[in-house]
């Protein structure tokens, strides 16, 4: 299991365990138009396992029989150490269905905002707390090893209420309850709010529960975080939660997920390791492999300027930058691309300087001597060559990519849906 030993931004020394939870196979697959086959899920699980990820949320058993069977296959894998989990709604029937998959970790989605409780469950707050307690106790009675409560829409929930609910679950004293997750379901929280919420929940969990003697000491409930990226804040919010003491950190590969997605694994891990100095036991050489694999099987393409894994992430054209890199790569590369399965590249173009031209002339024409005038003429022609490129293909490629997305991510068309309905209707007549 991953471990970290560091100081947070406030300077408070701590020894904090970090548990990495990959939601690609559940949250990621909920991206509009995305689907994974059972074989693709197995391929990704093996890569996640090699990367050192702790837990994978592999889907929702209630979605379909195929989904149930796929999760069951993943749970039966003998050659991986990654823990297999799955998500369920806060419904006894779905919890029972999970128990038959053989998976280890059950992520129970527990809506906590008033709009969710009112519209989905038709209960008062008090009734709902009792209902959640019964569902959690039911899961424990089914011998589910790891129960995780994802507090849906917590960022828009009254603090007094979610603390009452958390206290009620804590006071059950169940060892099987591993963590409660602060879910910024619609991506509206700012980092300072996430940090405050994590600190508040941790303080509440760590104080005396008021339950029977020994109950609090018999169990430890951690705090997790699940952030959406609607305002581009998923990474910042996740790091803020980490700084505040969150242990269970969720993400997806390439950030794929509902709407604008979630925190991205490649950004998150590199920030934790390189910027937060968090000693995660992960193999970063699999970062690029995981990203490319998900890009290929999801149909969602990454931007060329995507941090860490993007096409241009380690490509350099500017003369100033290339000159510095040729002296010492640390001048413009904070970490080695080779460490994550990448390599850097120097690009000839409009902004190329003499340093790169000199380097290439020495490498490609080792027996020839070039005057400064010849070198400058070569540089002039290189710049003109690049500037003469027509951009007609750019618009064509954009149209092509748009057409690809409509086909690959478009889902079942309404016209097809109408045909399906008529076909089923006719079969029943």
Protein backbone atom coordinates (compact mmCIF):
# COMPACT_ATOMS: atom_id res chain seq x y z
CA UNK A 1 0.00 0.00 0.00
CA UNK A 2 1.17 3.52 -0.80
CA UNK A 3 2.83 5.56 1.91
CA UNK A 4 3.80 9.19 2.30
CA UNK A 5 5.94 10.93 4.90
CA UNK A 6 6.03 14.67 4.44
CA UNK A 7 5.08 18.10 5.74
CA UNK A 8 2.00 19.89 4.54
CA UNK A 9 1.97 23.52 3.43
CA UNK A 10 1.26 24.77 6.95
CA UNK A 11 4.43 23.08 8.13
CA UNK A 12 2.60 20.52 10.26
CA UNK A 13 4.70 17.34 10.35
CA UNK A 14 2.74 14.15 9.78
CA UNK A 15 2.98 10.58 8.67
CA UNK A 16 0.11 10.13 6.27
CA UNK A 17 -0.77 6.99 4.37
CA UNK A 18 -2.15 7.58 0.91
CA UNK A 19 -4.45 5.10 -0.81
CA UNK A 20 -4.78 5.61 -4.55
CA UNK A 21 -8.18 4.76 -6.02
CA UNK A 22 -8.58 4.57 -9.79
CA UNK A 23 -12.13 5.23 -10.99
CA UNK A 24 -11.50 4.85 -14.73
CA UNK A 25 -13.53 1.66 -15.08
CA UNK A 26 -16.57 3.16 -13.35
CA UNK A 27 -16.50 6.97 -13.38
CA UNK A 28 -14.43 7.06 -16.55
CA UNK A 29 -16.77 4.72 -18.37
CA UNK A 30 -19.64 7.06 -17.46
CA UNK A 31 -18.20 9.63 -19.88
CA UNK A 32 -20.87 10.13 -22.53
CA UNK A 33 -20.37 7.57 -25.28
CA UNK A 34 -17.53 5.65 -23.60
CA UNK A 35 -17.65 1.91 -22.94
CA UNK A 36 -15.08 -0.77 -22.12
CA UNK A 37 -15.28 -4.46 -22.89
CA UNK A 38 -14.48 -7.04 -20.22
CA UNK A 39 -11.20 -7.78 -22.00
CA UNK A 40 -10.27 -4.09 -22.03
CA UNK A 41 -11.06 -3.81 -18.32
CA UNK A 42 -8.78 -6.74 -17.56
CA UNK A 43 -6.00 -5.14 -19.63
CA UNK A 44 -6.34 -1.89 -17.71
CA UNK A 45 -6.47 -3.62 -14.33
CA UNK A 46 -3.18 -5.38 -15.07
CA UNK A 47 -1.56 -2.05 -15.99
CA UNK A 48 -2.96 -0.35 -12.87
CA UNK A 49 -1.62 -3.20 -10.78
CA UNK A 50 1.86 -2.87 -12.29
CA UNK A 51 1.72 0.88 -11.70
CA UNK A 52 1.14 0.31 -7.97
CA UNK A 53 -2.40 1.67 -7.70
CA UNK A 54 -4.13 0.40 -4.55
CA UNK A 55 -7.83 0.06 -5.46
CA UNK A 56 -9.84 0.12 -8.69
CA UNK A 57 -13.52 1.02 -8.79
CA UNK A 58 -14.50 -1.29 -11.63
CA UNK A 59 -18.10 -0.36 -12.38
CA UNK A 60 -21.64 -0.74 -11.10
CA UNK A 61 -22.95 -4.34 -10.90
CA UNK A 62 -26.54 -3.13 -11.30
CA UNK A 63 -25.89 -1.58 -14.72
CA UNK A 64 -26.28 -4.87 -16.59
CA UNK A 65 -25.61 -8.58 -16.42
CA UNK A 66 -22.51 -8.04 -18.56
CA UNK A 67 -21.22 -5.43 -16.10
CA UNK A 68 -21.86 -7.75 -13.15
CA UNK A 69 -19.99 -10.58 -14.90
CA UNK A 70 -17.08 -8.30 -15.86
CA UNK A 71 -16.62 -7.21 -12.23
CA UNK A 72 -16.84 -10.83 -11.15
CA UNK A 73 -14.06 -11.73 -13.61
CA UNK A 74 -11.85 -8.93 -12.32
CA UNK A 75 -12.43 -9.99 -8.71
CA UNK A 76 -11.41 -13.54 -9.62
CA UNK A 77 -8.02 -12.55 -11.07
CA UNK A 78 -5.27 -14.34 -9.16
CA UNK A 79 -2.21 -12.61 -10.61
CA UNK A 80 -2.89 -9.05 -9.42
CA UNK A 81 -2.63 -7.47 -5.97
CA UNK A 82 -4.73 -4.39 -6.71
CA UNK A 83 -7.98 -4.48 -4.73
CA UNK A 84 -11.09 -4.76 -6.85
CA UNK A 85 -14.01 -2.53 -5.94
CA UNK A 86 -17.33 -1.49 -7.43
CA UNK A 87 -19.97 1.16 -6.84
CA UNK A 88 -23.60 0.83 -5.81
CA UNK A 89 -26.43 3.19 -5.03
CA UNK A 90 -27.56 3.31 -1.42
CA UNK A 91 -30.09 0.53 -2.00
CA UNK A 92 -30.09 -2.85 -0.21
CA UNK A 93 -30.72 -4.72 -3.48
CA UNK A 94 -27.63 -3.22 -5.11
CA UNK A 95 -25.51 -3.83 -2.01
CA UNK A 96 -26.60 -7.47 -2.04
CA UNK A 97 -25.76 -7.71 -5.75
CA UNK A 98 -22.27 -6.37 -5.04
CA UNK A 99 -21.74 -9.06 -2.40
CA UNK A 100 -22.10 -11.68 -5.13
CA UNK A 101 -19.32 -10.25 -7.32
CA UNK A 102 -16.49 -11.33 -5.02
CA UNK A 103 -15.09 -7.78 -5.10
CA UNK A 104 -13.42 -6.41 -1.98
CA UNK A 105 -14.33 -2.73 -1.76
CA UNK A 106 -17.91 -1.46 -2.00
CA UNK A 107 -18.36 2.23 -2.80
CA UNK A 108 -21.86 3.15 -1.63
CA UNK A 109 -23.06 6.36 -3.25
CA UNK A 110 -24.81 8.31 -0.48
CA UNK A 111 -26.43 11.55 -1.70
CA UNK A 112 -26.34 14.17 1.07
CA UNK A 113 -27.64 17.44 -0.38
CA UNK A 114 -31.28 18.33 0.25
CA UNK A 115 -32.15 18.28 -3.43
CA UNK A 116 -30.89 14.70 -3.78
CA UNK A 117 -32.57 13.45 -0.59
CA UNK A 118 -35.86 15.10 -1.47
CA UNK A 119 -36.01 14.10 -5.13
CA UNK A 120 -34.43 10.63 -4.94
CA UNK A 121 -35.51 9.28 -1.56
CA UNK A 122 -38.54 11.36 -0.51
CA UNK A 123 -37.32 11.37 3.11
CA UNK A 124 -36.67 13.89 5.85
CA UNK A 125 -33.09 14.35 6.99
CA UNK A 126 -33.69 12.29 10.13
CA UNK A 127 -35.34 9.46 8.22
CA UNK A 128 -32.51 9.47 5.72
CA UNK A 129 -29.79 9.14 8.37
CA UNK A 130 -31.56 6.10 9.81
CA UNK A 131 -31.92 4.66 6.31
CA UNK A 132 -28.20 5.08 5.57
CA UNK A 133 -27.30 3.43 8.88
CA UNK A 134 -29.47 0.42 7.99
CA UNK A 135 -27.83 0.14 4.54
CA UNK A 136 -24.33 0.29 6.02
CA UNK A 137 -25.20 -2.28 8.68
CA UNK A 138 -26.69 -4.48 5.97
CA UNK A 139 -23.46 -4.27 3.96
CA UNK A 140 -21.46 -5.19 7.05
CA UNK A 141 -23.77 -8.13 7.68
CA UNK A 142 -22.99 -9.41 4.19
CA UNK A 143 -19.31 -9.59 5.22
CA UNK A 144 -18.22 -6.94 2.72
CA UNK A 145 -14.59 -6.31 3.65
CA UNK A 146 -14.32 -2.66 2.67
CA UNK A 147 -17.25 -0.25 2.86
CA UNK A 148 -16.67 3.23 1.44
CA UNK A 149 -19.31 5.97 1.65
CA UNK A 150 -19.20 8.44 -1.22
CA UNK A 151 -21.09 11.49 0.06
CA UNK A 152 -22.56 12.68 -3.21
CA UNK A 153 -22.91 16.45 -3.68
CA UNK A 154 -21.29 17.16 -0.30
CA UNK A 155 -19.88 20.47 -1.55
CA UNK A 156 -23.48 21.77 -1.71
CA UNK A 157 -24.60 20.26 1.59
CA UNK A 158 -25.29 21.85 4.98
CA UNK A 159 -22.32 21.15 7.26
CA UNK A 160 -24.39 20.29 10.33
CA UNK A 161 -26.27 17.63 8.40
CA UNK A 162 -23.35 15.82 6.83
CA UNK A 163 -21.53 15.81 10.17
CA UNK A 164 -24.58 14.24 11.83
CA UNK A 165 -24.67 11.57 9.14
CA UNK A 166 -20.94 10.87 9.44
CA UNK A 167 -21.22 10.66 13.23
CA UNK A 168 -24.15 8.28 12.94
CA UNK A 169 -22.15 5.95 10.70
CA UNK A 170 -19.05 6.23 12.87
CA UNK A 171 -21.03 5.38 15.99
CA UNK A 172 -22.04 2.07 14.45
CA UNK A 173 -18.47 1.05 15.29
CA UNK A 174 -18.03 -1.14 12.21
CA UNK A 175 -14.48 -2.12 11.28
CA UNK A 176 -15.60 -2.69 7.69
CA UNK A 177 -16.29 1.02 7.14
CA UNK A 178 -13.03 2.32 5.71
CA UNK A 179 -13.71 5.90 4.64
CA UNK A 180 -16.15 8.67 3.89
CA UNK A 181 -15.55 10.61 0.69
CA UNK A 182 -16.11 14.31 0.15
CA UNK A 183 -17.60 14.42 -3.33
CA UNK A 184 -17.61 17.67 -5.28
CA UNK A 185 -20.13 16.10 -7.63
CA UNK A 186 -20.78 19.09 -9.86
CA UNK A 187 -17.30 20.59 -9.56
CA UNK A 188 -18.26 23.85 -7.86
CA UNK A 189 -15.99 23.85 -4.79
CA UNK A 190 -12.85 25.96 -4.45
CA UNK A 191 -9.66 24.52 -2.89
CA UNK A 192 -10.11 26.48 0.33
CA UNK A 193 -13.59 25.03 0.83
CA UNK A 194 -12.39 21.47 0.18
CA UNK A 195 -9.57 21.94 2.66
CA UNK A 196 -11.93 23.32 5.30
CA UNK A 197 -14.37 20.43 4.81
CA UNK A 198 -11.65 17.79 5.11
CA UNK A 199 -10.25 19.39 8.26
CA UNK A 200 -13.74 19.67 9.77
CA UNK A 201 -14.61 16.04 9.05
CA UNK A 202 -11.26 14.77 10.34
CA UNK A 203 -11.68 16.77 13.54
CA UNK A 204 -15.16 15.33 13.99
CA UNK A 205 -13.99 11.76 13.38
CA UNK A 206 -11.06 12.13 15.76
CA UNK A 207 -12.99 13.55 18.68
CA UNK A 208 -14.86 11.39 21.21
CA UNK A 209 -17.83 9.75 19.53
CA UNK A 210 -20.06 9.61 22.58
CA UNK A 211 -20.78 5.98 21.74
CA UNK A 212 -20.25 3.01 23.99
CA UNK A 213 -16.75 2.54 25.38
CA UNK A 214 -14.43 0.90 22.92
CA UNK A 215 -16.53 1.58 19.81
CA UNK A 216 -14.41 4.49 18.58
CA UNK A 217 -11.15 2.69 19.19
CA UNK A 218 -12.38 -0.43 17.43
CA UNK A 219 -12.58 1.23 14.04
CA UNK A 220 -10.79 3.87 12.04
CA UNK A 221 -12.65 5.79 9.37
CA UNK A 222 -10.50 7.69 6.93
CA UNK A 223 -11.39 10.63 4.72
CA UNK A 224 -11.34 10.48 0.95
CA UNK A 225 -11.94 12.96 -1.84
CA UNK A 226 -13.64 12.74 -5.22
CA UNK A 227 -13.47 15.88 -7.35
CA UNK A 228 -15.02 16.81 -10.68
CA UNK A 229 -13.41 19.15 -13.16
CA UNK A 230 -16.25 21.38 -14.35
CA UNK A 231 -14.25 24.52 -13.52
CA UNK A 232 -10.84 22.96 -14.09
CA UNK A 233 -10.25 22.63 -10.33
CA UNK A 234 -10.25 18.86 -9.82
CA UNK A 235 -6.47 18.64 -9.39
CA UNK A 236 -6.23 21.73 -7.17
CA UNK A 237 -9.11 20.51 -5.00
CA UNK A 238 -7.65 17.01 -4.69
CA UNK A 239 -4.26 18.39 -3.65
CA UNK A 240 -5.99 20.69 -1.17
CA UNK A 241 -7.76 17.69 0.34
CA UNK A 242 -4.43 15.87 0.58
CA UNK A 243 -2.86 18.85 2.37
CA UNK A 244 -5.73 18.81 4.87
CA UNK A 245 -5.16 15.13 5.65
CA UNK A 246 -7.31 13.13 3.22
CA UNK A 247 -5.95 9.61 2.81
CA UNK A 248 -8.14 8.09 0.09
CA UNK A 249 -7.41 9.88 -3.17
CA UNK A 250 -9.54 9.23 -6.26
CA UNK A 251 -8.80 10.00 -9.91
CA UNK A 252 -9.24 8.59 -13.40
CA UNK A 253 -6.81 7.94 -16.22
CA UNK A 254 -6.69 11.01 -18.50
CA UNK A 255 -9.35 12.52 -16.23
CA UNK A 256 -12.21 10.92 -18.16
CA UNK A 257 -15.53 10.96 -16.34
CA UNK A 258 -18.96 12.54 -16.20
CA UNK A 259 -19.17 15.85 -18.10
CA UNK A 260 -15.73 17.52 -17.85
CA UNK A 261 -14.22 14.58 -15.98
CA UNK A 262 -12.18 14.21 -12.80
CA UNK A 263 -8.68 14.63 -11.41
CA UNK A 264 -6.15 13.18 -13.87
CA UNK A 265 -3.85 10.40 -12.68
CA UNK A 266 -0.79 11.66 -14.58
CA UNK A 267 -1.10 15.19 -13.19
CA UNK A 268 -2.01 14.10 -9.68
CA UNK A 269 0.75 11.54 -9.18
CA UNK A 270 3.47 13.77 -10.60
CA UNK A 271 2.31 16.68 -8.41
CA UNK A 272 2.22 14.48 -5.30
CA UNK A 273 5.64 12.96 -5.97
CA UNK A 274 7.55 15.94 -7.36
CA UNK A 275 5.85 18.95 -5.77
CA UNK A 276 4.45 17.57 -2.50
CA UNK A 277 7.41 15.21 -2.04
CA UNK A 278 4.99 12.41 -1.23
CA UNK A 279 6.72 9.03 -1.16
CA UNK A 280 4.15 7.08 -3.17
CA UNK A 281 5.05 3.52 -4.00
CA UNK A 282 4.03 3.80 -7.63
CA UNK A 283 5.91 2.94 -10.81
CA UNK A 284 5.81 6.13 -12.85
CA UNK A 285 7.11 4.36 -15.94
CA UNK A 286 3.52 3.16 -16.49
CA UNK A 287 2.03 6.67 -16.57
CA UNK A 288 2.42 7.07 -20.32
CA UNK A 289 1.34 3.49 -21.06
CA UNK A 290 -1.85 3.83 -19.03
CA UNK A 291 -2.68 7.16 -20.63
CA UNK A 292 -2.18 5.92 -24.19
CA UNK A 293 -4.18 2.76 -23.55
CA UNK A 294 -7.15 4.68 -22.15
CA UNK A 295 -6.96 7.17 -25.01
CA UNK A 296 -7.10 4.32 -27.53
CA UNK A 297 -9.98 2.38 -25.99
CA UNK A 298 -12.08 5.30 -24.76
CA UNK A 299 -12.04 7.30 -27.98
CA UNK A 300 -11.30 10.51 -26.06
CA UNK A 301 -8.17 12.12 -27.47
CA UNK A 302 -5.79 14.24 -25.42
CA UNK A 303 -4.69 17.76 -26.26
CA UNK A 304 -1.16 18.09 -27.66
CA UNK A 305 -0.34 20.38 -24.72
CA UNK A 306 -1.72 17.99 -22.07
CA UNK A 307 0.65 18.08 -19.07
CA UNK A 308 2.94 15.07 -18.59
CA UNK A 309 1.49 12.85 -21.34
CA UNK A 310 0.61 15.29 -24.15
CA UNK A 311 2.34 15.13 -27.55
CA UNK A 312 4.13 18.45 -26.97
CA UNK A 313 4.85 17.99 -23.25
CA UNK A 314 8.59 17.40 -23.85
CA UNK A 315 9.05 18.90 -27.32
CA UNK A 316 11.10 22.08 -27.58
CA UNK A 317 11.41 24.58 -30.45
CA UNK A 318 12.28 27.95 -28.94
CA UNK A 319 15.94 28.82 -29.44
CA UNK A 320 16.27 30.13 -25.88
CA UNK A 321 14.85 26.94 -24.40
CA UNK A 322 16.81 24.56 -26.62
CA UNK A 323 20.05 26.41 -25.91
CA UNK A 324 19.43 26.05 -22.18
CA UNK A 325 18.45 22.39 -22.44
CA UNK A 326 21.60 21.55 -24.38
CA UNK A 327 23.61 22.95 -21.48
CA UNK A 328 21.58 21.28 -18.73
CA UNK A 329 18.15 19.67 -19.16
CA UNK A 330 17.15 20.77 -15.66
CA UNK A 331 17.02 24.36 -16.88
CA UNK A 332 13.69 23.72 -18.64
CA UNK A 333 12.72 20.17 -17.64
CA UNK A 334 11.81 19.76 -13.98
CA UNK A 335 11.92 15.95 -14.21
CA UNK A 336 13.24 13.42 -16.69
CA UNK A 337 10.66 12.38 -19.31
CA UNK A 338 12.33 8.96 -19.37
CA UNK A 339 11.05 8.40 -15.81
CA UNK A 340 7.49 8.26 -17.10
CA UNK A 341 8.13 6.39 -20.33
CA UNK A 342 8.66 9.51 -22.49
CA UNK A 343 11.59 11.21 -24.19
CA UNK A 344 12.29 14.81 -25.10
CA UNK A 345 12.56 16.10 -28.65
CA UNK A 346 13.94 19.18 -30.35
CA UNK A 347 11.78 20.63 -33.10
CA UNK A 348 12.98 22.62 -36.11
CA UNK A 349 10.66 25.55 -36.81
CA UNK A 350 10.04 29.29 -36.86
CA UNK A 351 11.58 29.81 -33.39
CA UNK A 352 14.65 27.58 -33.83
CA UNK A 353 17.98 29.12 -32.82
CA UNK A 354 21.59 28.53 -33.77
CA UNK A 355 22.27 26.14 -30.87
CA UNK A 356 20.07 23.39 -32.31
CA UNK A 357 21.36 23.91 -35.85
CA UNK A 358 24.97 23.60 -34.60
CA UNK A 359 24.08 20.42 -32.69
CA UNK A 360 22.43 18.80 -35.71
CA UNK A 361 25.24 19.77 -38.08
CA UNK A 362 27.81 18.14 -35.79
CA UNK A 363 25.71 14.97 -35.43
CA UNK A 364 24.57 14.60 -39.03
CA UNK A 365 27.62 15.98 -40.87
CA UNK A 366 30.55 15.06 -38.58
CA UNK A 367 33.22 15.44 -41.25
CA UNK A 368 32.09 18.79 -42.62
CA UNK A 369 32.90 22.30 -41.54
CA UNK A 370 30.29 25.05 -41.79
CA UNK A 371 30.95 28.76 -41.74
CA UNK A 372 28.75 31.02 -39.67
CA UNK A 373 27.27 32.44 -42.87
CA UNK A 374 26.31 28.94 -44.05
CA UNK A 375 24.80 28.08 -40.70
CA UNK A 376 22.71 31.27 -40.67
CA UNK A 377 21.53 30.60 -44.22
CA UNK A 378 20.49 27.08 -43.24
CA UNK A 379 18.61 28.51 -40.27
CA UNK A 380 16.90 31.08 -42.50
CA UNK A 381 15.71 28.40 -44.91
CA UNK A 382 14.47 26.18 -42.04
CA UNK A 383 12.35 29.05 -40.67
CA UNK A 384 10.98 29.89 -44.12
CA UNK A 385 10.22 26.23 -44.79
CA UNK A 386 8.09 25.96 -41.67
CA UNK A 387 6.31 29.27 -42.31
CA UNK A 388 5.31 28.13 -45.81
CA UNK A 389 3.21 25.25 -44.47
CA UNK A 390 -0.47 25.67 -45.39
CA UNK A 391 -3.02 25.42 -42.59
CA UNK A 392 -5.87 24.01 -44.66
CA UNK A 393 -5.29 20.62 -43.04
CA UNK A 394 -5.90 22.09 -39.58
CA UNK A 395 -9.55 22.86 -40.26
CA UNK A 396 -10.01 19.56 -42.07
CA UNK A 397 -8.58 17.64 -39.13
CA UNK A 398 -10.83 19.50 -36.71
CA UNK A 399 -13.86 18.54 -38.79
CA UNK A 400 -12.62 14.97 -38.99
CA UNK A 401 -12.12 14.79 -35.22
CA UNK A 402 -15.58 16.25 -34.64
CA UNK A 403 -17.08 13.62 -36.94
CA UNK A 404 -15.10 10.93 -35.11
CA UNK A 405 -16.43 12.07 -31.73
CA UNK A 406 -20.00 12.10 -33.01
CA UNK A 407 -19.55 8.52 -34.21
CA UNK A 408 -17.45 7.12 -31.35
CA UNK A 409 -19.04 9.01 -28.45
CA UNK A 410 -22.45 9.77 -29.87
CA UNK A 411 -24.20 6.81 -28.29
CA UNK A 412 -27.37 5.32 -29.74
CA UNK A 413 -29.09 7.79 -32.07
CA UNK A 414 -32.72 8.72 -31.42
CA UNK A 415 -33.65 7.24 -34.81
CA UNK A 416 -32.06 3.93 -33.76
CA UNK A 417 -33.81 4.12 -30.39
CA UNK A 418 -37.19 4.48 -32.13
CA UNK A 419 -36.44 1.40 -34.24
CA UNK A 420 -35.47 -0.57 -31.12
CA UNK A 421 -38.70 0.40 -29.34
CA UNK A 422 -40.83 -0.56 -32.35
CA UNK A 423 -38.98 -3.87 -32.73
CA UNK A 424 -39.51 -4.80 -29.06
CA UNK A 425 -43.13 -3.67 -29.22
CA UNK A 426 -43.81 -5.79 -32.31
CA UNK A 427 -42.23 -8.87 -30.69
CA UNK A 428 -44.64 -8.58 -27.77
CA UNK A 429 -47.76 -8.31 -29.94
